[in-house]
């Protein structure tokens, strides 16, 4: 089990980044959360099998169609007892 906190910089708010992230996380059967940050970034935490988390990180570097990802910062975190992936408002 791997858990990563990911901060995504660029044009990532108002372009369905959170909704697309949830869809991708659900497809990969990952758990965690995603939210918009006041500074214009998107923050997410994902946990699951290492290979699936790696695929999610790769996806975050591309983002959905209308986004523009400038940078992605990764941080290891401790796994939490979660069962779903949620959009946090």
C-alpha atoms as a PDB file:
ATOM      1  CA  UNK A   1       0.000   0.000   0.000  1.00  0.00           C
ATOM      2  CA  UNK A   2       1.392   3.361  -1.098  1.00  0.00           C
ATOM      3  CA  UNK A   3       0.043   6.785  -0.137  1.00  0.00           C
ATOM      4  CA  UNK A   4       1.057  10.018  -1.889  1.00  0.00           C
ATOM      5  CA  UNK A   5       0.041  13.641  -1.450  1.00  0.00           C
ATOM      6  CA  UNK A   6       0.164  15.448  -4.790  1.00  0.00           C
ATOM      7  CA  UNK A   7       0.029  19.207  -5.442  1.00  0.00           C
ATOM      8  CA  UNK A   8      -0.664  20.213  -9.050  1.00  0.00           C
ATOM      9  CA  UNK A   9       0.292  23.667 -10.354  1.00  0.00           C
ATOM     10  CA  UNK A  10      -0.940  25.373 -13.518  1.00  0.00           C
ATOM     11  CA  UNK A  11      -4.378  26.000 -15.000  1.00  0.00           C
ATOM     12  CA  UNK A  12      -6.051  23.333 -12.895  1.00  0.00           C
ATOM     13  CA  UNK A  13      -9.113  25.046 -11.428  1.00  0.00           C
ATOM     14  CA  UNK A  14     -12.290  25.555 -13.445  1.00  0.00           C
ATOM     15  CA  UNK A  15     -11.295  22.881 -15.983  1.00  0.00           C
ATOM     16  CA  UNK A  16     -12.897  19.778 -14.393  1.00  0.00           C
ATOM     17  CA  UNK A  17      -9.585  18.693 -12.870  1.00  0.00           C
ATOM     18  CA  UNK A  18     -11.188  17.453  -9.632  1.00  0.00           C
ATOM     19  CA  UNK A  19     -14.009  15.574 -11.371  1.00  0.00           C
ATOM     20  CA  UNK A  20     -11.577  14.021 -13.850  1.00  0.00           C
ATOM     21  CA  UNK A  21      -9.242  13.076 -10.991  1.00  0.00           C
ATOM     22  CA  UNK A  22     -12.095  11.286  -9.212  1.00  0.00           C
ATOM     23  CA  UNK A  23     -13.005   9.397 -12.381  1.00  0.00           C
ATOM     24  CA  UNK A  24      -9.395   8.299 -12.869  1.00  0.00           C
ATOM     25  CA  UNK A  25      -8.993   7.316  -9.199  1.00  0.00           C
ATOM     26  CA  UNK A  26     -12.224   5.299  -9.332  1.00  0.00           C
ATOM     27  CA  UNK A  27     -11.082   3.577 -12.549  1.00  0.00           C
ATOM     28  CA  UNK A  28      -7.769   2.671 -10.868  1.00  0.00           C
ATOM     29  CA  UNK A  29      -9.571   1.630  -7.648  1.00  0.00           C
ATOM     30  CA  UNK A  30      -7.612   4.125  -5.554  1.00  0.00           C
ATOM     31  CA  UNK A  31      -8.906   5.819  -2.412  1.00  0.00           C
ATOM     32  CA  UNK A  32      -8.312   9.313  -1.053  1.00  0.00           C
ATOM     33  CA  UNK A  33      -9.461  12.851  -1.841  1.00  0.00           C
ATOM     34  CA  UNK A  34      -8.971  15.863  -4.116  1.00  0.00           C
ATOM     35  CA  UNK A  35      -9.629  19.570  -3.459  1.00  0.00           C
ATOM     36  CA  UNK A  36      -8.984  23.038  -4.857  1.00  0.00           C
ATOM     37  CA  UNK A  37      -6.557  25.127  -2.819  1.00  0.00           C
ATOM     38  CA  UNK A  38      -6.887  28.908  -2.267  1.00  0.00           C
ATOM     39  CA  UNK A  39      -3.593  29.505  -4.131  1.00  0.00           C
ATOM     40  CA  UNK A  40      -5.029  28.086  -7.386  1.00  0.00           C
ATOM     41  CA  UNK A  41      -3.432  24.652  -7.130  1.00  0.00           C
ATOM     42  CA  UNK A  42      -5.162  21.302  -6.758  1.00  0.00           C
ATOM     43  CA  UNK A  43      -4.172  19.012  -3.879  1.00  0.00           C
ATOM     44  CA  UNK A  44      -4.924  15.324  -3.734  1.00  0.00           C
ATOM     45  CA  UNK A  45      -4.043  12.317  -1.697  1.00  0.00           C
ATOM     46  CA  UNK A  46      -4.175   8.863  -3.234  1.00  0.00           C
ATOM     47  CA  UNK A  47      -3.476   5.456  -1.819  1.00  0.00           C
ATOM     48  CA  UNK A  48      -3.491   1.967  -3.220  1.00  0.00           C
ATOM     49  CA  UNK A  49      -1.253  -0.453  -5.059  1.00  0.00           C
ATOM     50  CA  UNK A  50       2.100   1.082  -6.018  1.00  0.00           C
ATOM     51  CA  UNK A  51       1.678   0.567  -9.774  1.00  0.00           C
ATOM     52  CA  UNK A  52      -1.798   2.149  -9.759  1.00  0.00           C
ATOM     53  CA  UNK A  53      -0.587   5.142  -7.736  1.00  0.00           C
ATOM     54  CA  UNK A  54       2.239   5.546 -10.257  1.00  0.00           C
ATOM     55  CA  UNK A  55      -0.332   5.618 -13.100  1.00  0.00           C
ATOM     56  CA  UNK A  56      -2.321   8.259 -11.204  1.00  0.00           C
ATOM     57  CA  UNK A  57       0.779  10.430 -10.788  1.00  0.00           C
ATOM     58  CA  UNK A  58       1.463  10.161 -14.531  1.00  0.00           C
ATOM     59  CA  UNK A  59      -2.135  11.178 -15.248  1.00  0.00           C
ATOM     60  CA  UNK A  60      -1.837  14.167 -12.881  1.00  0.00           C
ATOM     61  CA  UNK A  61       1.107  15.433 -14.929  1.00  0.00           C
ATOM     62  CA  UNK A  62      -1.150  15.562 -18.011  1.00  0.00           C
ATOM     63  CA  UNK A  63      -4.547  16.372 -16.485  1.00  0.00           C
ATOM     64  CA  UNK A  64      -7.855  16.633 -18.331  1.00  0.00           C
ATOM     65  CA  UNK A  65      -8.297  18.197 -21.768  1.00  0.00           C
ATOM     66  CA  UNK A  66      -8.652  21.883 -20.809  1.00  0.00           C
ATOM     67  CA  UNK A  67      -6.053  21.952 -18.043  1.00  0.00           C
ATOM     68  CA  UNK A  68      -2.411  23.018 -18.272  1.00  0.00           C
ATOM     69  CA  UNK A  69      -0.111  21.361 -15.750  1.00  0.00           C
ATOM     70  CA  UNK A  70       3.054  23.330 -15.014  1.00  0.00           C
ATOM     71  CA  UNK A  71       4.414  21.289 -12.106  1.00  0.00           C
ATOM     72  CA  UNK A  72       3.562  18.407  -9.785  1.00  0.00           C
ATOM     73  CA  UNK A  73       5.004  18.026  -6.287  1.00  0.00           C
ATOM     74  CA  UNK A  74       4.902  14.644  -4.533  1.00  0.00           C
ATOM     75  CA  UNK A  75       5.086  13.792  -0.860  1.00  0.00           C
ATOM     76  CA  UNK A  76       4.906  10.399   0.843  1.00  0.00           C
ATOM     77  CA  UNK A  77       2.206  10.178   3.506  1.00  0.00           C
ATOM     78  CA  UNK A  78       0.904   7.533   5.856  1.00  0.00           C
ATOM     79  CA  UNK A  79      -2.000   5.418   4.561  1.00  0.00           C
ATOM     80  CA  UNK A  80      -5.347   6.217   6.173  1.00  0.00           C
ATOM     81  CA  UNK A  81      -8.355   3.938   6.698  1.00  0.00           C
ATOM     82  CA  UNK A  82     -10.334   4.983   3.612  1.00  0.00           C
ATOM     83  CA  UNK A  83     -12.766   3.143   1.373  1.00  0.00           C
ATOM     84  CA  UNK A  84     -13.577   5.734  -1.334  1.00  0.00           C
ATOM     85  CA  UNK A  85     -12.125   8.606  -3.331  1.00  0.00           C
ATOM     86  CA  UNK A  86     -13.874  11.902  -2.630  1.00  0.00           C
ATOM     87  CA  UNK A  87     -13.989  15.441  -3.982  1.00  0.00           C
ATOM     88  CA  UNK A  88     -13.564  17.724  -0.980  1.00  0.00           C
ATOM     89  CA  UNK A  89     -15.185  21.158  -1.185  1.00  0.00           C
END
